[in-house]
């Protein structure tokens, strides 16, 4: 199975930013965890990170053509207001998609409780820390 993991703005700062919310593991640690999961499940997993909305949209559109069979996306702050990323996700109807959040967005600031991208995905996982990525991958494999 070919899975694409997309990480939005500031996720490259894991282990640096707000450790009380996002933990001590740095971005390389997340990448290692995902790579190990790919090896265990015999999946080809590509991870893409960008702080730029347009780059994320371009990569989503490329996924439509490149044989991607499942998408895990942590849109970061774009979750709450990027209708452009929401529309890109909604355009890819043949590929299952899971929205992931490290923290429990339902227990944070009011603006974080709203996800404009959620409805364009098949499933949403939040509040499970970095392990949420592994659960998202498992969801896609079972789907």
N, C-alpha and C. Protein backbone atom coordinates (compact mmCIF):
# COMPACT_ATOMS: atom_id res chain seq x y z
N UNK A 1 0.85 -1.18 0.00
CA UNK A 1 0.00 0.00 0.00
C UNK A 1 0.89 1.24 0.00
N UNK A 2 0.47 2.23 -0.75
CA UNK A 2 1.20 3.49 -0.84
C UNK A 2 0.43 4.57 -0.08
N UNK A 3 1.06 5.05 0.99
CA UNK A 3 0.42 6.04 1.87
C UNK A 3 1.23 7.33 1.86
N UNK A 4 0.52 8.44 1.83
CA UNK A 4 1.12 9.76 1.92
C UNK A 4 0.74 10.38 3.26
N UNK A 5 1.72 10.82 4.02
CA UNK A 5 1.49 11.55 5.26
C UNK A 5 1.88 13.00 5.00
N UNK A 6 0.93 13.89 5.22
CA UNK A 6 1.17 15.33 5.02
C UNK A 6 1.10 16.03 6.36
N UNK A 7 2.13 16.80 6.66
CA UNK A 7 2.18 17.60 7.87
C UNK A 7 2.23 19.07 7.49
N UNK A 8 1.36 19.84 8.11
CA UNK A 8 1.27 21.26 7.81
C UNK A 8 2.20 22.11 8.65
N UNK A 9 1.86 23.38 8.78
CA UNK A 9 2.75 24.36 9.38
C UNK A 9 3.14 24.05 10.83
N UNK A 10 4.39 24.28 11.11
CA UNK A 10 5.01 24.20 12.43
C UNK A 10 5.23 22.78 12.93
N UNK A 11 4.78 21.78 12.20
CA UNK A 11 5.01 20.42 12.66
C UNK A 11 6.48 20.05 12.59
N UNK A 12 7.22 20.71 11.72
CA UNK A 12 8.67 20.51 11.68
C UNK A 12 9.34 21.02 12.96
N UNK A 13 8.61 21.72 13.80
CA UNK A 13 9.13 22.24 15.07
C UNK A 13 8.73 21.37 16.27
N UNK A 14 8.30 20.14 15.99
CA UNK A 14 8.03 19.22 17.10
C UNK A 14 9.28 19.09 17.96
N UNK A 15 9.08 18.99 19.26
CA UNK A 15 10.21 18.91 20.19
C UNK A 15 10.78 20.26 20.55
N UNK A 16 10.35 21.29 19.84
CA UNK A 16 10.81 22.66 20.09
C UNK A 16 9.65 23.50 20.62
N UNK A 17 8.51 23.40 19.96
CA UNK A 17 7.37 24.25 20.31
C UNK A 17 6.44 23.59 21.32
N UNK A 18 5.97 24.33 22.23
CA UNK A 18 4.93 23.92 23.18
C UNK A 18 5.03 22.45 23.59
N UNK A 19 6.12 22.10 24.24
CA UNK A 19 6.38 20.71 24.62
C UNK A 19 5.30 20.15 25.54
N UNK A 20 4.66 20.99 26.31
CA UNK A 20 3.58 20.55 27.18
C UNK A 20 2.37 20.06 26.41
N UNK A 21 2.24 20.50 25.19
CA UNK A 21 1.12 20.08 24.33
C UNK A 21 1.56 19.00 23.36
N UNK A 22 2.73 19.18 22.73
CA UNK A 22 3.15 18.31 21.63
C UNK A 22 4.24 17.31 22.01
N UNK A 23 4.78 17.42 23.22
CA UNK A 23 5.77 16.45 23.67
C UNK A 23 7.20 16.83 23.32
N UNK A 24 8.11 15.96 23.73
CA UNK A 24 9.54 16.18 23.56
C UNK A 24 10.12 15.59 22.29
N UNK A 25 9.40 14.68 21.66
CA UNK A 25 9.92 14.02 20.46
C UNK A 25 10.02 15.03 19.33
N UNK A 26 11.18 15.06 18.68
CA UNK A 26 11.35 16.01 17.58
C UNK A 26 10.81 15.43 16.27
N UNK A 27 10.84 16.22 15.23
CA UNK A 27 10.25 15.82 13.95
C UNK A 27 10.95 14.58 13.38
N UNK A 28 12.26 14.50 13.54
CA UNK A 28 12.97 13.30 13.08
C UNK A 28 12.48 12.05 13.80
N UNK A 29 12.14 12.20 15.07
CA UNK A 29 11.58 11.08 15.82
C UNK A 29 10.25 10.62 15.25
N UNK A 30 9.41 11.58 14.86
CA UNK A 30 8.15 11.24 14.20
C UNK A 30 8.41 10.53 12.89
N UNK A 31 9.35 11.05 12.11
CA UNK A 31 9.66 10.41 10.82
C UNK A 31 10.16 8.98 11.01
N UNK A 32 10.99 8.77 12.02
CA UNK A 32 11.49 7.42 12.31
C UNK A 32 10.35 6.49 12.70
N UNK A 33 9.44 6.97 13.52
CA UNK A 33 8.30 6.17 13.96
C UNK A 33 7.44 5.76 12.76
N UNK A 34 7.19 6.69 11.86
CA UNK A 34 6.39 6.41 10.67
C UNK A 34 7.11 5.44 9.75
N UNK A 35 8.41 5.62 9.56
CA UNK A 35 9.19 4.72 8.71
C UNK A 35 9.17 3.30 9.26
N UNK A 36 9.31 3.16 10.56
CA UNK A 36 9.27 1.84 11.19
C UNK A 36 7.91 1.19 10.98
N UNK A 37 6.85 1.95 11.11
CA UNK A 37 5.50 1.43 10.88
C UNK A 37 5.35 0.96 9.44
N UNK A 38 5.89 1.73 8.51
CA UNK A 38 5.85 1.34 7.11
C UNK A 38 6.55 0.02 6.86
N UNK A 39 7.71 -0.16 7.48
CA UNK A 39 8.45 -1.42 7.34
C UNK A 39 7.67 -2.58 7.94
N UNK A 40 7.11 -2.37 9.13
CA UNK A 40 6.34 -3.42 9.79
C UNK A 40 5.13 -3.85 8.97
N UNK A 41 4.47 -2.88 8.37
CA UNK A 41 3.24 -3.16 7.61
C UNK A 41 3.50 -3.40 6.13
N UNK A 42 4.76 -3.33 5.73
CA UNK A 42 5.16 -3.47 4.33
C UNK A 42 4.40 -2.50 3.43
N UNK A 43 4.37 -1.25 3.90
CA UNK A 43 3.74 -0.16 3.16
C UNK A 43 4.81 0.83 2.71
N UNK A 44 4.57 1.43 1.59
CA UNK A 44 5.42 2.53 1.14
C UNK A 44 4.81 3.81 1.68
N UNK A 45 5.51 4.47 2.61
CA UNK A 45 4.98 5.68 3.22
C UNK A 45 5.90 6.85 2.91
N UNK A 46 5.33 7.85 2.29
CA UNK A 46 6.05 9.10 2.03
C UNK A 46 5.53 10.15 3.00
N UNK A 47 6.44 10.92 3.58
CA UNK A 47 6.05 12.02 4.47
C UNK A 47 6.43 13.33 3.80
N UNK A 48 5.48 14.24 3.78
CA UNK A 48 5.67 15.56 3.19
C UNK A 48 5.29 16.59 4.24
N UNK A 49 6.11 17.61 4.42
CA UNK A 49 5.81 18.68 5.35
C UNK A 49 6.02 20.01 4.67
N UNK A 50 5.09 20.92 4.90
CA UNK A 50 5.26 22.28 4.39
C UNK A 50 4.55 23.26 5.31
N UNK A 51 5.13 24.44 5.40
CA UNK A 51 4.51 25.54 6.11
C UNK A 51 3.68 26.41 5.16
N UNK A 52 3.55 25.97 3.91
CA UNK A 52 2.89 26.77 2.87
C UNK A 52 1.65 26.06 2.34
N UNK A 53 0.54 26.76 2.39
CA UNK A 53 -0.75 26.20 1.97
C UNK A 53 -0.71 25.69 0.53
N UNK A 54 -0.18 26.47 -0.37
CA UNK A 54 -0.16 26.07 -1.77
C UNK A 54 0.65 24.81 -2.02
N UNK A 55 1.75 24.64 -1.30
CA UNK A 55 2.58 23.43 -1.46
C UNK A 55 1.81 22.19 -1.00
N UNK A 56 1.02 22.34 0.05
CA UNK A 56 0.20 21.21 0.53
C UNK A 56 -0.87 20.87 -0.50
N UNK A 57 -1.49 21.87 -1.06
CA UNK A 57 -2.50 21.64 -2.09
C UNK A 57 -1.86 20.98 -3.31
N UNK A 58 -0.71 21.45 -3.74
CA UNK A 58 -0.02 20.84 -4.88
C UNK A 58 0.28 19.37 -4.61
N UNK A 59 0.73 19.06 -3.39
CA UNK A 59 1.07 17.66 -3.08
C UNK A 59 -0.18 16.79 -3.02
N UNK A 60 -1.28 17.33 -2.51
CA UNK A 60 -2.54 16.59 -2.53
C UNK A 60 -2.99 16.31 -3.95
N UNK A 61 -2.89 17.29 -4.81
CA UNK A 61 -3.29 17.09 -6.20
C UNK A 61 -2.38 16.07 -6.88
N UNK A 62 -1.10 16.10 -6.60
CA UNK A 62 -0.18 15.11 -7.16
C UNK A 62 -0.55 13.70 -6.71
N UNK A 63 -1.04 13.59 -5.48
CA UNK A 63 -1.42 12.27 -4.94
C UNK A 63 -2.52 11.61 -5.77
N UNK A 64 -3.35 12.40 -6.38
CA UNK A 64 -4.41 11.87 -7.22
C UNK A 64 -3.85 11.08 -8.40
N UNK A 65 -2.69 11.51 -8.88
CA UNK A 65 -2.10 10.91 -10.08
C UNK A 65 -0.99 9.91 -9.81
N UNK A 66 -0.40 9.90 -8.61
CA UNK A 66 0.82 9.12 -8.40
C UNK A 66 0.63 7.75 -7.76
N UNK A 67 -0.60 7.29 -7.68
CA UNK A 67 -0.84 5.95 -7.13
C UNK A 67 -1.00 5.91 -5.62
N UNK A 68 -1.11 7.05 -4.98
CA UNK A 68 -1.34 7.08 -3.54
C UNK A 68 -2.66 6.38 -3.23
N UNK A 69 -2.61 5.50 -2.22
CA UNK A 69 -3.80 4.72 -1.86
C UNK A 69 -4.42 5.14 -0.53
N UNK A 70 -3.76 6.01 0.19
CA UNK A 70 -4.30 6.51 1.45
C UNK A 70 -3.53 7.74 1.87
N UNK A 71 -4.23 8.68 2.52
CA UNK A 71 -3.61 9.93 2.95
C UNK A 71 -3.88 10.14 4.44
N UNK A 72 -2.81 10.45 5.17
CA UNK A 72 -2.90 10.92 6.54
C UNK A 72 -2.49 12.38 6.49
N UNK A 73 -3.34 13.25 7.03
CA UNK A 73 -2.99 14.68 6.99
C UNK A 73 -3.18 15.32 8.35
N UNK A 74 -2.15 16.02 8.78
CA UNK A 74 -2.23 16.90 9.93
C UNK A 74 -2.08 18.31 9.36
N UNK A 75 -3.20 18.98 9.09
CA UNK A 75 -3.11 20.29 8.46
C UNK A 75 -2.60 21.40 9.37
N UNK A 76 -2.34 21.08 10.65
CA UNK A 76 -1.91 22.13 11.57
C UNK A 76 -2.97 23.22 11.64
N UNK A 77 -2.54 24.45 11.73
CA UNK A 77 -3.48 25.57 11.85
C UNK A 77 -4.39 25.71 10.63
N UNK A 78 -3.98 25.17 9.48
CA UNK A 78 -4.85 25.23 8.30
C UNK A 78 -6.16 24.48 8.52
N UNK A 79 -6.18 23.60 9.49
CA UNK A 79 -7.39 22.84 9.85
C UNK A 79 -8.57 23.78 10.04
N UNK A 80 -8.32 24.91 10.63
CA UNK A 80 -9.38 25.76 11.13
C UNK A 80 -9.88 26.80 10.12
N UNK A 81 -9.17 26.95 9.00
CA UNK A 81 -9.62 28.00 8.09
C UNK A 81 -9.28 27.77 6.62
N UNK A 82 -8.58 26.71 6.27
CA UNK A 82 -8.19 26.57 4.87
C UNK A 82 -9.23 25.80 4.06
N UNK A 83 -10.12 26.56 3.47
CA UNK A 83 -11.10 25.95 2.58
C UNK A 83 -10.43 25.46 1.31
N UNK A 84 -9.28 26.02 0.98
CA UNK A 84 -8.54 25.57 -0.20
C UNK A 84 -8.00 24.15 0.02
N UNK A 85 -7.45 23.87 1.19
CA UNK A 85 -6.99 22.51 1.49
C UNK A 85 -8.19 21.58 1.62
N UNK A 86 -9.26 22.05 2.22
CA UNK A 86 -10.49 21.26 2.32
C UNK A 86 -10.98 20.86 0.93
N UNK A 87 -10.98 21.79 0.00
CA UNK A 87 -11.44 21.51 -1.36
C UNK A 87 -10.50 20.53 -2.07
N UNK A 88 -9.21 20.66 -1.84
CA UNK A 88 -8.25 19.72 -2.45
C UNK A 88 -8.49 18.31 -1.91
N UNK A 89 -8.71 18.19 -0.60
CA UNK A 89 -9.01 16.88 -0.01
C UNK A 89 -10.31 16.31 -0.58
N UNK A 90 -11.32 17.15 -0.69
CA UNK A 90 -12.63 16.71 -1.20
C UNK A 90 -12.56 16.29 -2.66
N UNK A 91 -11.61 16.82 -3.39
CA UNK A 91 -11.47 16.49 -4.81
C UNK A 91 -10.94 15.07 -5.03
N UNK A 92 -10.28 14.52 -4.02
CA UNK A 92 -9.67 13.20 -4.16
C UNK A 92 -10.63 12.18 -3.55
N UNK A 93 -11.66 11.85 -4.28
CA UNK A 93 -12.72 10.98 -3.76
C UNK A 93 -12.35 9.50 -3.77
N UNK A 94 -11.35 9.11 -4.54
CA UNK A 94 -11.00 7.70 -4.67
C UNK A 94 -9.97 7.23 -3.64
N UNK A 95 -9.49 8.13 -2.82
CA UNK A 95 -8.43 7.82 -1.86
C UNK A 95 -8.95 8.09 -0.44
N UNK A 96 -8.90 7.09 0.46
CA UNK A 96 -9.32 7.36 1.84
C UNK A 96 -8.34 8.30 2.54
N UNK A 97 -8.90 9.16 3.40
CA UNK A 97 -8.10 10.19 4.06
C UNK A 97 -8.43 10.24 5.54
N UNK A 98 -7.38 10.40 6.36
CA UNK A 98 -7.54 10.54 7.80
C UNK A 98 -6.90 11.84 8.24
N UNK A 99 -7.69 12.66 8.94
CA UNK A 99 -7.16 13.88 9.55
C UNK A 99 -6.65 13.53 10.94
N UNK A 100 -5.44 13.98 11.25
CA UNK A 100 -4.80 13.65 12.53
C UNK A 100 -4.40 14.93 13.25
N UNK A 101 -4.55 14.91 14.57
CA UNK A 101 -4.07 16.00 15.42
C UNK A 101 -3.40 15.39 16.64
N UNK A 102 -2.26 15.87 16.99
CA UNK A 102 -1.49 15.34 18.12
C UNK A 102 -2.21 15.64 19.43
N UNK A 103 -2.68 16.86 19.58
CA UNK A 103 -3.37 17.27 20.80
C UNK A 103 -4.86 17.01 20.67
N UNK A 104 -5.55 17.14 21.79
CA UNK A 104 -7.01 17.01 21.78
C UNK A 104 -7.59 18.38 21.45
N UNK A 105 -7.91 18.57 20.20
CA UNK A 105 -8.39 19.88 19.74
C UNK A 105 -9.73 20.27 20.36
N UNK A 106 -10.45 19.30 20.92
CA UNK A 106 -11.74 19.61 21.55
C UNK A 106 -11.56 20.21 22.95
N UNK A 107 -10.34 20.17 23.48
CA UNK A 107 -10.08 20.68 24.83
C UNK A 107 -9.11 21.85 24.83
N UNK A 108 -8.99 22.48 23.67
CA UNK A 108 -8.06 23.60 23.56
C UNK A 108 -8.84 24.88 23.29
N UNK A 109 -8.17 25.89 22.73
CA UNK A 109 -8.82 27.17 22.45
C UNK A 109 -10.04 26.94 21.55
N UNK A 110 -10.99 27.84 21.68
CA UNK A 110 -12.26 27.71 20.94
C UNK A 110 -12.04 27.55 19.44
N UNK A 111 -11.13 28.34 18.86
CA UNK A 111 -10.95 28.29 17.40
C UNK A 111 -10.43 26.93 16.94
N UNK A 112 -9.73 26.19 17.81
CA UNK A 112 -9.19 24.89 17.43
C UNK A 112 -10.24 23.79 17.38
N UNK A 113 -11.39 24.04 17.94
CA UNK A 113 -12.45 23.03 17.98
C UNK A 113 -13.13 22.87 16.63
N UNK A 114 -12.97 23.83 15.76
CA UNK A 114 -13.59 23.78 14.44
C UNK A 114 -12.59 23.30 13.39
N UNK A 115 -12.98 22.27 12.66
CA UNK A 115 -12.15 21.79 11.55
C UNK A 115 -12.93 21.92 10.26
N UNK A 116 -12.42 22.73 9.36
CA UNK A 116 -13.07 22.85 8.05
C UNK A 116 -12.64 21.71 7.12
N UNK A 117 -11.58 21.01 7.49
CA UNK A 117 -11.06 19.92 6.64
C UNK A 117 -11.63 18.56 7.01
N UNK A 118 -12.17 18.42 8.21
CA UNK A 118 -12.65 17.13 8.73
C UNK A 118 -13.65 16.45 7.80
N UNK A 119 -14.62 17.18 7.31
CA UNK A 119 -15.67 16.57 6.50
C UNK A 119 -15.18 16.10 5.14
N UNK A 120 -14.01 16.54 4.73
CA UNK A 120 -13.43 16.06 3.46
C UNK A 120 -12.59 14.81 3.68
N UNK A 121 -12.54 14.33 4.92
CA UNK A 121 -11.78 13.13 5.27
C UNK A 121 -12.74 12.03 5.71
N UNK A 122 -12.26 10.81 5.68
CA UNK A 122 -13.07 9.68 6.09
C UNK A 122 -13.09 9.49 7.60
N UNK A 123 -12.06 9.99 8.26
CA UNK A 123 -11.92 9.73 9.69
C UNK A 123 -11.06 10.84 10.30
N UNK A 124 -11.26 11.09 11.59
CA UNK A 124 -10.45 12.09 12.29
C UNK A 124 -9.95 11.47 13.60
N UNK A 125 -8.68 11.67 13.89
CA UNK A 125 -8.05 11.19 15.12
C UNK A 125 -7.40 12.39 15.80
N UNK A 126 -7.66 12.55 17.11
CA UNK A 126 -7.02 13.64 17.84
C UNK A 126 -6.80 13.22 19.29
N UNK A 127 -5.80 13.87 19.91
CA UNK A 127 -5.54 13.68 21.32
C UNK A 127 -4.79 12.41 21.68
N UNK A 128 -4.20 11.74 20.71
CA UNK A 128 -3.47 10.50 20.98
C UNK A 128 -1.96 10.69 20.86
N UNK A 129 -1.52 11.92 20.81
CA UNK A 129 -0.11 12.19 20.65
C UNK A 129 0.38 11.70 19.30
N UNK A 130 1.66 11.43 19.20
CA UNK A 130 2.23 10.97 17.94
C UNK A 130 1.71 9.59 17.55
N UNK A 131 1.26 8.83 18.54
CA UNK A 131 0.68 7.50 18.26
C UNK A 131 -0.53 7.61 17.33
N UNK A 132 -1.16 8.75 17.31
CA UNK A 132 -2.30 8.95 16.43
C UNK A 132 -1.95 8.69 14.97
N UNK A 133 -0.72 9.00 14.58
CA UNK A 133 -0.29 8.74 13.21
C UNK A 133 -0.33 7.23 12.92
N UNK A 134 0.09 6.43 13.89
CA UNK A 134 0.10 4.98 13.70
C UNK A 134 -1.32 4.44 13.60
N UNK A 135 -2.23 5.00 14.41
CA UNK A 135 -3.63 4.60 14.33
C UNK A 135 -4.23 4.99 12.98
N UNK A 136 -3.84 6.15 12.47
CA UNK A 136 -4.33 6.59 11.16
C UNK A 136 -3.86 5.64 10.06
N UNK A 137 -2.61 5.23 10.14
CA UNK A 137 -2.07 4.28 9.16
C UNK A 137 -2.81 2.96 9.26
N UNK A 138 -3.05 2.48 10.48
CA UNK A 138 -3.81 1.25 10.67
C UNK A 138 -5.21 1.37 10.07
N UNK A 139 -5.85 2.49 10.26
CA UNK A 139 -7.18 2.73 9.70
C UNK A 139 -7.15 2.59 8.17
N UNK A 140 -6.15 3.21 7.55
CA UNK A 140 -6.06 3.14 6.10
C UNK A 140 -5.80 1.73 5.60
N UNK A 141 -4.97 1.00 6.30
CA UNK A 141 -4.67 -0.37 5.90
C UNK A 141 -5.91 -1.23 5.96
N UNK A 142 -6.71 -1.05 7.01
CA UNK A 142 -7.94 -1.83 7.17
C UNK A 142 -9.00 -1.42 6.17
N UNK A 143 -8.99 -0.17 5.78
CA UNK A 143 -9.99 0.36 4.83
C UNK A 143 -9.71 -0.21 3.46
